[in-house]
Every structure is written in C-alpha cells, then in structure tokens.
Amino acid sequence: MVKDNKFSFLSGKDKVIIYWNNKEVKTIKGDDAEKFLMNISDMNDKQAQLYMAKLTGNFKRGNETRRKN
C-alpha cells in the first residue's frame, strides 16, 4: 500500500510522465496517456497514488528502495 504522496505526473502534448520521489519512472504516450488522464481525474489522492504505483511496476517487493553506491 502506498502510504505517502510519492507519485506525481506531468501531462504534455500526447504524453504523460509519471514521477516517483521526483524521479521519472514511466512515460505513457498516445491513447494510453489519454486513458490515464481520464481515469485519474475521477480518483481521490489515495486512489491515484495506488493507480500510479500499479502502472509503474511492482512497488511492493522492495525495488523502490534507493541503490547503494
């Protein structure tokens, strides 16, 4: 479950970029971008966070942790 508002997105001409902690994690283009914007407009913040987490990959198995240098 996504606890904080770590996801955000920017929409541009025919594409949507999804960010996690201000880092770009996924770009959606064309019809998928339009569908994303239509779906997310009807969601509250908690639902939108979960929706973006599901779209960007598997965020419940630890792959969202920071890399060690």
N, C-alpha and C. Protein backbone atom coordinates (compact mmCIF):
# COMPACT_ATOMS: atom_id res chain seq x y z
N MET A 1 0.83 -1.17 0.00
CA MET A 1 0.00 0.00 0.00
C MET A 1 0.89 1.25 0.00
N VAL A 2 0.53 2.21 -0.78
CA VAL A 2 1.29 3.45 -0.86
C VAL A 2 0.87 4.34 0.30
N LYS A 3 1.82 4.72 1.16
CA LYS A 3 1.48 5.48 2.35
C LYS A 3 1.60 6.98 2.15
N ASP A 4 2.57 7.42 1.41
CA ASP A 4 2.81 8.85 1.21
C ASP A 4 2.52 9.23 -0.23
N ASN A 5 2.42 10.52 -0.47
CA ASN A 5 2.20 11.03 -1.83
C ASN A 5 3.54 11.13 -2.54
N LYS A 6 4.07 10.00 -2.92
CA LYS A 6 5.38 9.96 -3.56
C LYS A 6 5.27 10.02 -5.07
N PHE A 7 4.11 9.72 -5.61
CA PHE A 7 3.93 9.75 -7.05
C PHE A 7 3.34 11.07 -7.48
N SER A 8 3.78 11.52 -8.66
CA SER A 8 3.21 12.70 -9.30
C SER A 8 3.30 12.49 -10.80
N PHE A 9 2.66 13.37 -11.55
CA PHE A 9 2.73 13.24 -13.00
C PHE A 9 2.62 14.59 -13.67
N LEU A 10 3.17 14.67 -14.86
CA LEU A 10 3.05 15.84 -15.71
C LEU A 10 2.49 15.38 -17.04
N SER A 11 1.54 16.13 -17.55
CA SER A 11 0.99 15.78 -18.86
C SER A 11 1.42 16.83 -19.86
N GLY A 12 1.80 16.36 -21.02
CA GLY A 12 2.19 17.23 -22.11
C GLY A 12 1.44 16.85 -23.36
N LYS A 13 1.92 17.31 -24.47
CA LYS A 13 1.26 17.02 -25.73
C LYS A 13 1.40 15.53 -26.03
N ASP A 14 0.29 14.82 -25.92
CA ASP A 14 0.20 13.40 -26.28
C ASP A 14 1.05 12.47 -25.41
N LYS A 15 1.45 12.92 -24.19
CA LYS A 15 2.16 12.01 -23.30
C LYS A 15 2.01 12.43 -21.85
N VAL A 16 2.23 11.46 -20.97
CA VAL A 16 2.19 11.70 -19.53
C VAL A 16 3.46 11.08 -18.95
N ILE A 17 4.13 11.82 -18.09
CA ILE A 17 5.33 11.32 -17.41
C ILE A 17 4.98 11.15 -15.94
N ILE A 18 5.22 9.95 -15.41
CA ILE A 18 4.95 9.65 -14.00
C ILE A 18 6.27 9.68 -13.25
N TYR A 19 6.26 10.36 -12.10
CA TYR A 19 7.44 10.50 -11.26
C TYR A 19 7.21 9.82 -9.93
N TRP A 20 8.28 9.29 -9.36
CA TRP A 20 8.27 8.74 -8.01
C TRP A 20 9.41 9.43 -7.27
N ASN A 21 9.09 10.12 -6.20
CA ASN A 21 10.08 10.91 -5.46
C ASN A 21 10.86 11.84 -6.40
N ASN A 22 10.15 12.50 -7.28
CA ASN A 22 10.70 13.45 -8.24
C ASN A 22 11.66 12.83 -9.26
N LYS A 23 11.61 11.52 -9.44
CA LYS A 23 12.41 10.84 -10.44
C LYS A 23 11.47 10.22 -11.47
N GLU A 24 11.78 10.43 -12.74
CA GLU A 24 10.94 9.88 -13.80
C GLU A 24 11.02 8.36 -13.79
N VAL A 25 9.85 7.72 -13.74
CA VAL A 25 9.82 6.25 -13.72
C VAL A 25 9.06 5.65 -14.89
N LYS A 26 8.19 6.43 -15.54
CA LYS A 26 7.43 5.87 -16.65
C LYS A 26 6.89 7.00 -17.53
N THR A 27 6.89 6.74 -18.83
CA THR A 27 6.28 7.66 -19.79
C THR A 27 5.19 6.90 -20.52
N ILE A 28 4.03 7.51 -20.59
CA ILE A 28 2.88 6.92 -21.27
C ILE A 28 2.53 7.83 -22.44
N LYS A 29 2.31 7.23 -23.61
CA LYS A 29 2.06 8.03 -24.81
C LYS A 29 0.76 7.62 -25.49
N GLY A 30 0.25 8.52 -26.32
CA GLY A 30 -0.90 8.25 -27.18
C GLY A 30 -2.18 7.96 -26.44
N ASP A 31 -2.86 6.91 -26.90
CA ASP A 31 -4.15 6.53 -26.33
C ASP A 31 -4.04 6.14 -24.85
N ASP A 32 -2.92 5.52 -24.48
CA ASP A 32 -2.72 5.14 -23.08
C ASP A 32 -2.63 6.38 -22.18
N ALA A 33 -2.02 7.45 -22.68
CA ALA A 33 -1.93 8.69 -21.92
C ALA A 33 -3.31 9.30 -21.73
N GLU A 34 -4.11 9.29 -22.78
CA GLU A 34 -5.48 9.82 -22.68
C GLU A 34 -6.31 9.00 -21.69
N LYS A 35 -6.16 7.69 -21.73
CA LYS A 35 -6.89 6.82 -20.82
C LYS A 35 -6.45 7.08 -19.37
N PHE A 36 -5.14 7.24 -19.17
CA PHE A 36 -4.61 7.55 -17.84
C PHE A 36 -5.24 8.82 -17.29
N LEU A 37 -5.23 9.89 -18.09
CA LEU A 37 -5.77 11.18 -17.63
C LEU A 37 -7.26 11.09 -17.34
N MET A 38 -7.97 10.34 -18.14
CA MET A 38 -9.41 10.18 -17.92
C MET A 38 -9.67 9.41 -16.62
N ASN A 39 -8.91 8.34 -16.40
CA ASN A 39 -9.09 7.53 -15.20
C ASN A 39 -8.71 8.29 -13.93
N ILE A 40 -7.59 8.96 -13.96
CA ILE A 40 -7.08 9.60 -12.74
C ILE A 40 -7.90 10.82 -12.34
N SER A 41 -8.59 11.42 -13.29
CA SER A 41 -9.39 12.60 -12.96
C SER A 41 -10.56 12.28 -12.04
N ASP A 42 -10.99 11.02 -12.02
CA ASP A 42 -12.11 10.61 -11.18
C ASP A 42 -11.68 10.03 -9.83
N MET A 43 -10.38 10.04 -9.54
CA MET A 43 -9.87 9.39 -8.33
C MET A 43 -9.51 10.41 -7.27
N ASN A 44 -9.62 9.96 -6.00
CA ASN A 44 -9.10 10.79 -4.92
C ASN A 44 -7.59 10.56 -4.85
N ASP A 45 -6.90 11.28 -3.97
CA ASP A 45 -5.44 11.22 -3.93
C ASP A 45 -4.91 9.83 -3.61
N LYS A 46 -5.53 9.17 -2.66
CA LYS A 46 -5.07 7.83 -2.26
C LYS A 46 -5.23 6.84 -3.41
N GLN A 47 -6.36 6.91 -4.10
CA GLN A 47 -6.60 6.02 -5.25
C GLN A 47 -5.61 6.33 -6.37
N ALA A 48 -5.34 7.61 -6.60
CA ALA A 48 -4.40 8.00 -7.66
C ALA A 48 -3.00 7.49 -7.36
N GLN A 49 -2.58 7.56 -6.10
CA GLN A 49 -1.26 7.06 -5.73
C GLN A 49 -1.15 5.55 -6.00
N LEU A 50 -2.16 4.81 -5.63
CA LEU A 50 -2.16 3.37 -5.84
C LEU A 50 -2.20 3.04 -7.33
N TYR A 51 -2.98 3.77 -8.09
CA TYR A 51 -3.08 3.58 -9.55
C TYR A 51 -1.73 3.81 -10.21
N MET A 52 -1.03 4.89 -9.84
CA MET A 52 0.28 5.15 -10.43
C MET A 52 1.31 4.12 -10.00
N ALA A 53 1.22 3.62 -8.77
CA ALA A 53 2.13 2.57 -8.31
C ALA A 53 1.95 1.30 -9.14
N LYS A 54 0.70 0.95 -9.41
CA LYS A 54 0.43 -0.24 -10.20
C LYS A 54 0.90 -0.07 -11.64
N LEU A 55 0.72 1.12 -12.20
CA LEU A 55 1.15 1.36 -13.58
C LEU A 55 2.66 1.33 -13.76
N THR A 56 3.38 1.75 -12.74
CA THR A 56 4.83 1.88 -12.88
C THR A 56 5.59 0.61 -12.56
N GLY A 57 4.93 -0.39 -12.07
CA GLY A 57 5.64 -1.64 -11.80
C GLY A 57 5.31 -2.20 -10.43
N ASN A 58 6.14 -3.11 -10.01
CA ASN A 58 5.91 -3.83 -8.79
C ASN A 58 6.54 -3.10 -7.61
N PHE A 59 5.78 -2.26 -6.93
CA PHE A 59 6.30 -1.46 -5.83
C PHE A 59 6.06 -2.08 -4.47
N LYS A 60 5.81 -3.36 -4.40
CA LYS A 60 5.62 -3.97 -3.08
C LYS A 60 6.68 -5.00 -2.75
N ARG A 61 7.70 -5.08 -3.58
CA ARG A 61 8.75 -6.07 -3.32
C ARG A 61 10.11 -5.45 -3.07
N GLY A 62 10.15 -4.15 -2.82
CA GLY A 62 11.40 -3.52 -2.42
C GLY A 62 12.20 -2.89 -3.53
N ASN A 63 11.74 -2.95 -4.78
CA ASN A 63 12.55 -2.38 -5.84
C ASN A 63 12.51 -0.86 -5.86
N GLU A 64 11.73 -0.25 -4.97
CA GLU A 64 11.67 1.20 -4.92
C GLU A 64 12.68 1.79 -3.95
N THR A 65 13.46 0.95 -3.28
CA THR A 65 14.46 1.45 -2.35
C THR A 65 15.62 2.06 -3.10
N ARG A 66 16.35 2.91 -2.43
CA ARG A 66 17.48 3.59 -3.05
C ARG A 66 18.64 2.61 -3.26
N ARG A 67 19.34 2.83 -4.35
CA ARG A 67 20.51 1.99 -4.64
C ARG A 67 21.66 2.40 -3.74
N LYS A 68 22.46 1.42 -3.37
CA LYS A 68 23.66 1.70 -2.60
C LYS A 68 24.78 2.02 -3.58
N ASN A 69 25.56 3.04 -3.25
CA ASN A 69 26.68 3.43 -4.14
C ASN A 69 27.95 2.75 -3.74
